[in-house]
Amino acid sequence: MNGSALALVLTASVAHAAWNLVAKRVPGGARFVYLYYTVSAVALLPVVVAVVLFGERRPEWSWLVAAAVTAVCHVLYGVVLQRGYAVGDLSVVYPVARGSGPLLSVLVAVLLLGERPGWPGLVGAFLVVAGVFVISGRGTSADRRRRLAGVGYGLLTGAAIAAYTLWDAYAVTTLAVPPVVYFGTGALLQSVVLAPYALRGDRTRTLWREHRREVLLVGLLSPVAYLLVLFAMRLAPVSLVAPARELSIVFGSLAGWLLLGERHPGRRLTGSVIVLFGITAIAFA
């Protein structure tokens, strides 16, 4: 991987871990998700309009359908992730979510699409599972309940990640939807889907007043992390970019320990590194 691509991927990893650290600290559940999706949509709207009006390709209805599907997947992802952060630790939920997403994608490819990933994929799947077990290891009963809740929501989040990953790959390759249009339209639809719930009462406005800085940070860092990876994929093979971006797992575990004071940092960091190696093996399968 050349230096420019590596710099983009590392920056994306830090940005991804950073916005998850910020999201962990904010209550509000789906209302918070609505607010930061809205910020992302507003930030990307001028770019989407420019691409649609002045791009080489004419817009197609399939673009809107593709964005609608990913919007539903991302709404599920955002809501489940915030619930996981409410009941579990960042250093549990984050690596389990990021690790189980690629694992479930491989399982779907094997069981439904008839793909055969070979021994690197099988080793990677084993390492991801092993890393999750390390992260959710023994402790007091109260600690264990919290860890198991974090693992459960991490796995649900990973399922949503697998769903939108598989669909996104189909949308930008088979359907050939321009990535910026795809992501920006999806963010707008995500905001629309959550609006009927989020705009009831005054709780969302209160959340915005009290956590405006956090909403803006997540709403801007999230698309930045995604777009940096897309640019990196234009400079280096996906097989190198995909595992490198998951360094965010380690950054997230370190943030949980150093900034949030979460317990058992050695075990959770070790489990995160094992998950990272598993994802790397899956990427090379």
Protein backbone atom coordinates (compact mmCIF):
# COMPACT_ATOMS: atom_id res chain seq x y z
CA MET A 1 0.00 0.00 0.00
CA ASN A 2 1.46 3.36 -0.99
CA GLY A 3 1.93 6.15 1.52
CA SER A 4 -1.01 8.27 0.40
CA ALA A 5 -3.48 5.38 0.63
CA LEU A 6 -2.11 4.36 4.03
CA ALA A 7 -2.45 7.92 5.33
CA LEU A 8 -6.06 8.07 4.12
CA VAL A 9 -6.91 4.73 5.74
CA LEU A 10 -5.28 5.59 9.05
CA THR A 11 -7.05 8.95 9.14
CA ALA A 12 -10.35 7.21 8.37
CA SER A 13 -9.74 4.69 11.17
CA VAL A 14 -9.08 7.45 13.69
CA ALA A 15 -12.15 9.38 12.50
CA HIS A 16 -14.35 6.29 12.75
CA ALA A 17 -13.16 5.44 16.26
CA ALA A 18 -13.50 9.10 17.26
CA TRP A 19 -17.12 9.45 16.22
CA ASN A 20 -18.00 6.23 17.99
CA LEU A 21 -16.29 7.54 21.14
CA VAL A 22 -18.39 10.71 20.90
CA ALA A 23 -21.58 8.70 20.24
CA LYS A 24 -20.91 6.54 23.29
CA ARG A 25 -21.06 9.62 25.50
CA VAL A 26 -24.41 10.92 24.24
CA PRO A 27 -27.83 9.68 25.39
CA GLY A 28 -30.92 9.98 23.24
CA GLY A 29 -30.95 6.78 21.19
CA ALA A 30 -32.82 7.16 17.90
CA ARG A 31 -33.19 10.92 18.40
CA PHE A 32 -29.43 11.36 18.47
CA VAL A 33 -29.14 9.13 15.39
CA TYR A 34 -31.71 11.31 13.60
CA LEU A 35 -29.78 14.48 14.44
CA TYR A 36 -26.41 13.30 13.20
CA TYR A 37 -27.89 11.71 10.06
CA THR A 38 -29.53 15.07 9.35
CA VAL A 39 -26.19 16.87 9.75
CA SER A 40 -24.56 14.40 7.34
CA ALA A 41 -27.36 14.88 4.82
CA VAL A 42 -27.15 18.69 4.95
CA ALA A 43 -23.35 18.61 4.63
CA LEU A 44 -23.43 16.30 1.59
CA LEU A 45 -26.48 17.78 -0.16
CA PRO A 46 -24.59 20.42 -2.22
CA VAL A 47 -22.15 17.77 -3.46
CA VAL A 48 -24.97 15.38 -4.38
CA VAL A 49 -26.82 18.13 -6.28
CA ALA A 50 -23.65 19.09 -8.15
CA VAL A 51 -22.95 15.49 -9.18
CA VAL A 52 -26.54 14.94 -10.31
CA LEU A 53 -26.69 18.20 -12.31
CA PHE A 54 -23.22 18.27 -13.80
CA GLY A 55 -22.09 14.65 -13.73
CA GLU A 56 -21.50 12.64 -16.87
CA ARG A 57 -24.37 10.22 -16.17
CA ARG A 58 -28.07 10.95 -16.05
CA PRO A 59 -29.79 10.05 -12.77
CA GLU A 60 -31.72 6.77 -12.71
CA TRP A 61 -34.59 5.58 -10.51
CA SER A 62 -32.43 2.62 -9.43
CA TRP A 63 -30.20 5.11 -7.59
CA LEU A 64 -33.09 6.16 -5.35
CA VAL A 65 -34.17 2.56 -4.73
CA ALA A 66 -30.61 1.58 -3.83
CA ALA A 67 -30.29 4.53 -1.45
CA ALA A 68 -33.63 3.65 0.18
CA VAL A 69 -32.48 0.11 0.95
CA THR A 70 -29.18 1.25 2.46
CA ALA A 71 -31.06 3.92 4.44
CA VAL A 72 -33.18 1.27 6.17
CA CYS A 73 -30.08 -0.80 6.94
CA HIS A 74 -28.22 2.22 8.29
CA VAL A 75 -31.16 3.30 10.47
CA LEU A 76 -31.20 -0.15 12.05
CA TYR A 77 -27.42 0.05 12.44
CA GLY A 78 -27.47 3.46 14.09
CA VAL A 79 -30.32 2.73 16.50
CA VAL A 80 -28.96 -0.67 17.59
CA LEU A 81 -25.45 0.76 18.00
CA GLN A 82 -26.67 3.56 20.26
CA ARG A 83 -28.65 1.07 22.32
CA GLY A 84 -25.51 -1.05 22.65
CA TYR A 85 -23.55 1.95 23.87
CA ALA A 86 -26.28 2.66 26.43
CA VAL A 87 -26.04 -0.81 28.02
CA GLY A 88 -22.44 -1.85 27.24
CA ASP A 89 -18.88 -0.57 27.04
CA LEU A 90 -17.26 0.96 23.96
CA SER A 91 -14.39 -1.55 24.21
CA VAL A 92 -16.90 -4.42 23.96
CA VAL A 93 -19.61 -3.18 21.58
CA TYR A 94 -17.29 -1.55 19.04
CA PRO A 95 -14.87 -4.44 18.29
CA VAL A 96 -17.67 -7.03 18.33
CA ALA A 97 -19.73 -4.94 15.89
CA ARG A 98 -16.80 -4.26 13.56
CA GLY A 99 -15.60 -7.85 13.73
CA SER A 100 -18.90 -9.66 13.32
CA GLY A 101 -19.87 -7.60 10.26
CA PRO A 102 -17.20 -9.12 7.97
CA LEU A 103 -17.72 -12.53 9.60
CA LEU A 104 -21.45 -12.52 8.83
CA SER A 105 -20.76 -11.26 5.30
CA VAL A 106 -18.52 -14.29 4.71
CA LEU A 107 -21.15 -16.65 6.13
CA VAL A 108 -23.81 -15.22 3.82
CA ALA A 109 -21.47 -15.52 0.86
CA VAL A 110 -20.76 -19.17 1.70
CA LEU A 111 -24.30 -20.28 2.61
CA LEU A 112 -26.36 -18.30 0.11
CA LEU A 113 -24.03 -17.35 -2.73
CA GLY A 114 -22.03 -20.57 -2.90
CA GLU A 115 -18.66 -18.86 -2.48
CA ARG A 116 -15.68 -20.76 -1.04
CA PRO A 117 -13.33 -18.42 0.83
CA GLY A 118 -10.56 -20.99 1.36
CA TRP A 119 -8.49 -21.57 4.47
CA PRO A 120 -7.59 -17.87 5.14
CA GLY A 121 -11.31 -17.07 5.40
CA LEU A 122 -11.94 -19.99 7.72
CA VAL A 123 -8.98 -19.04 9.93
CA GLY A 124 -10.21 -15.44 9.95
CA ALA A 125 -13.70 -16.49 10.99
CA PHE A 126 -12.24 -18.57 13.83
CA LEU A 127 -10.08 -15.65 15.01
CA VAL A 128 -13.03 -13.24 15.02
CA VAL A 129 -15.08 -15.65 17.15
CA ALA A 130 -12.09 -16.27 19.44
CA GLY A 131 -11.52 -12.54 19.85
CA VAL A 132 -15.16 -12.00 20.80
CA PHE A 133 -14.86 -14.72 23.45
CA VAL A 134 -11.73 -13.04 24.84
CA ILE A 135 -13.50 -9.66 25.00
CA SER A 136 -16.50 -11.18 26.81
CA GLY A 137 -14.41 -13.24 29.24
CA ARG A 138 -14.97 -13.88 32.92
CA GLY A 139 -15.62 -11.36 35.65
CA THR A 140 -18.19 -10.56 38.30
CA SER A 141 -21.79 -11.43 37.53
CA ALA A 142 -22.69 -7.75 37.09
CA ASP A 143 -19.71 -7.19 34.80
CA ARG A 144 -20.58 -10.30 32.85
CA ARG A 145 -24.19 -9.22 32.33
CA ARG A 146 -22.99 -5.87 31.01
CA ARG A 147 -20.43 -7.54 28.73
CA LEU A 148 -22.98 -10.03 27.42
CA ALA A 149 -25.40 -7.19 26.70
CA GLY A 150 -22.60 -5.38 24.88
CA VAL A 151 -21.72 -8.51 22.90
CA GLY A 152 -25.40 -9.08 22.01
CA TYR A 153 -25.92 -5.57 20.69
CA GLY A 154 -22.50 -5.69 19.04
CA LEU A 155 -23.59 -8.80 17.12
CA LEU A 156 -26.88 -7.15 16.11
CA THR A 157 -24.93 -4.12 14.94
CA GLY A 158 -22.58 -6.44 13.04
CA ALA A 159 -25.60 -8.00 11.30
CA ALA A 160 -26.70 -4.54 10.16
CA ILE A 161 -23.13 -3.82 9.00
CA ALA A 162 -23.10 -7.06 7.00
CA ALA A 163 -26.46 -6.19 5.44
CA TYR A 164 -25.48 -2.72 4.28
CA THR A 165 -22.00 -3.88 3.24
CA LEU A 166 -23.39 -6.56 0.93
CA TRP A 167 -26.04 -4.20 -0.44
CA ASP A 168 -23.58 -1.30 -0.85
CA ALA A 169 -21.24 -3.52 -2.86
CA TYR A 170 -24.13 -4.49 -5.13
CA ALA A 171 -25.32 -0.88 -5.46
CA VAL A 172 -22.00 0.70 -6.43
CA THR A 173 -20.87 -2.15 -8.69
CA THR A 174 -23.85 -3.91 -10.32
CA LEU A 175 -26.17 -0.87 -10.22
CA ALA A 176 -23.22 1.54 -10.72
CA VAL A 177 -24.62 4.20 -8.41
CA PRO A 178 -22.10 7.06 -7.93
CA PRO A 179 -20.76 6.65 -4.35
CA VAL A 180 -21.22 10.27 -3.24
CA VAL A 181 -24.79 10.38 -4.59
CA TYR A 182 -25.48 7.01 -3.00
CA PHE A 183 -24.15 7.97 0.42
CA GLY A 184 -25.65 11.47 0.45
CA THR A 185 -29.11 10.35 -0.69
CA GLY A 186 -29.01 7.53 1.82
CA ALA A 187 -28.21 9.98 4.64
CA LEU A 188 -31.15 12.18 3.59
CA LEU A 189 -33.54 9.21 3.54
CA GLN A 190 -32.24 8.03 6.91
CA SER A 191 -33.17 11.40 8.37
CA VAL A 192 -36.62 11.22 6.74
CA VAL A 193 -37.27 7.71 8.08
CA LEU A 194 -36.48 8.73 11.66
CA ALA A 195 -38.18 12.15 11.53
CA PRO A 196 -41.73 11.03 12.53
CA TYR A 197 -40.37 9.50 15.73
CA ALA A 198 -37.64 12.03 16.50
CA LEU A 199 -39.76 15.15 16.03
CA ARG A 200 -42.49 14.16 18.49
CA GLY A 201 -42.31 16.35 21.58
CA ASP A 202 -39.42 18.53 22.67
CA ARG A 203 -36.83 15.88 23.53
CA THR A 204 -34.98 16.13 20.23
CA ARG A 205 -34.71 19.91 20.49
CA THR A 206 -33.43 19.55 24.05
CA LEU A 207 -30.91 16.96 22.89
CA TRP A 208 -29.73 19.33 20.17
CA ARG A 209 -29.30 22.21 22.62
CA GLU A 210 -27.39 20.10 25.13
CA HIS A 211 -25.27 18.06 22.73
CA ARG A 212 -24.97 20.22 19.63
CA ARG A 213 -21.20 19.84 19.46
CA GLU A 214 -21.38 16.04 19.66
CA VAL A 215 -24.11 15.89 16.99
CA LEU A 216 -22.00 18.00 14.63
CA LEU A 217 -18.87 15.95 15.28
CA VAL A 218 -20.56 12.62 14.58
CA GLY A 219 -22.54 14.00 11.64
CA LEU A 220 -19.34 15.24 9.96
CA LEU A 221 -16.81 12.61 11.02
CA SER A 222 -18.98 9.70 9.92
CA PRO A 223 -19.14 10.64 6.20
CA VAL A 224 -15.51 11.82 6.28
CA ALA A 225 -14.37 8.39 7.49
CA TYR A 226 -16.44 6.68 4.79
CA LEU A 227 -15.29 8.93 1.95
CA LEU A 228 -11.62 8.70 2.95
CA VAL A 229 -11.86 4.91 2.58
CA LEU A 230 -13.46 5.31 -0.86
CA PHE A 231 -10.59 7.54 -1.98
CA ALA A 232 -8.06 5.07 -0.54
CA MET A 233 -9.67 2.30 -2.61
CA ARG A 234 -8.84 4.30 -5.74
CA LEU A 235 -5.15 4.23 -4.79
CA ALA A 236 -4.72 0.72 -3.36
CA PRO A 237 -6.36 -2.72 -3.66
CA VAL A 238 -9.47 -3.33 -1.60
CA SER A 239 -7.77 -6.42 -0.13
CA LEU A 240 -5.27 -4.09 1.56
CA VAL A 241 -7.59 -1.20 2.40
CA ALA A 242 -10.30 -3.35 4.03
CA PRO A 243 -8.17 -4.88 6.82
CA ALA A 244 -6.15 -1.69 7.35
CA ARG A 245 -9.29 0.38 8.02
CA GLU A 246 -10.23 -2.00 10.84
CA LEU A 247 -7.35 -0.61 12.90
CA SER A 248 -10.20 1.49 14.25
CA ILE A 249 -11.04 -1.54 16.42
CA VAL A 250 -7.78 -1.13 18.31
CA PHE A 251 -8.21 2.65 18.49
CA GLY A 252 -11.72 2.17 19.88
CA SER A 253 -10.52 -0.23 22.57
CA LEU A 254 -7.72 2.15 23.55
CA ALA A 255 -10.23 5.03 23.76
CA GLY A 256 -12.50 2.97 25.99
CA TRP A 257 -9.60 2.35 28.35
CA LEU A 258 -7.76 5.69 28.31
CA LEU A 259 -10.66 8.12 27.92
CA LEU A 260 -13.65 6.32 29.43
CA GLY A 261 -11.83 4.33 32.11
CA GLU A 262 -13.43 1.03 31.11
CA ARG A 263 -12.25 -2.02 33.03
CA HIS A 264 -10.14 -4.99 31.94
CA PRO A 265 -8.21 -3.09 29.24
CA GLY A 266 -5.62 -5.84 28.71
CA ARG A 267 -8.17 -8.53 27.87
CA ARG A 268 -10.31 -6.27 25.71
CA LEU A 269 -7.33 -4.88 23.79
CA THR A 270 -6.00 -8.42 23.26
CA GLY A 271 -9.40 -9.56 22.01
CA SER A 272 -9.60 -6.55 19.69
CA VAL A 273 -6.20 -7.37 18.17
CA ILE A 274 -7.32 -10.99 17.63
CA VAL A 275 -10.48 -9.72 15.90
CA LEU A 276 -8.30 -7.43 13.75
CA PHE A 277 -6.12 -10.36 12.65
CA GLY A 278 -9.29 -12.32 11.87
CA ILE A 279 -10.65 -9.54 9.67
CA THR A 280 -7.28 -9.33 7.91
CA ALA A 281 -7.39 -13.06 7.14
CA ILE A 282 -10.97 -12.75 5.86
CA ALA A 283 -9.94 -9.84 3.61
CA PHE A 284 -7.21 -11.97 2.02
CA ALA A 285 -9.48 -15.03 1.60
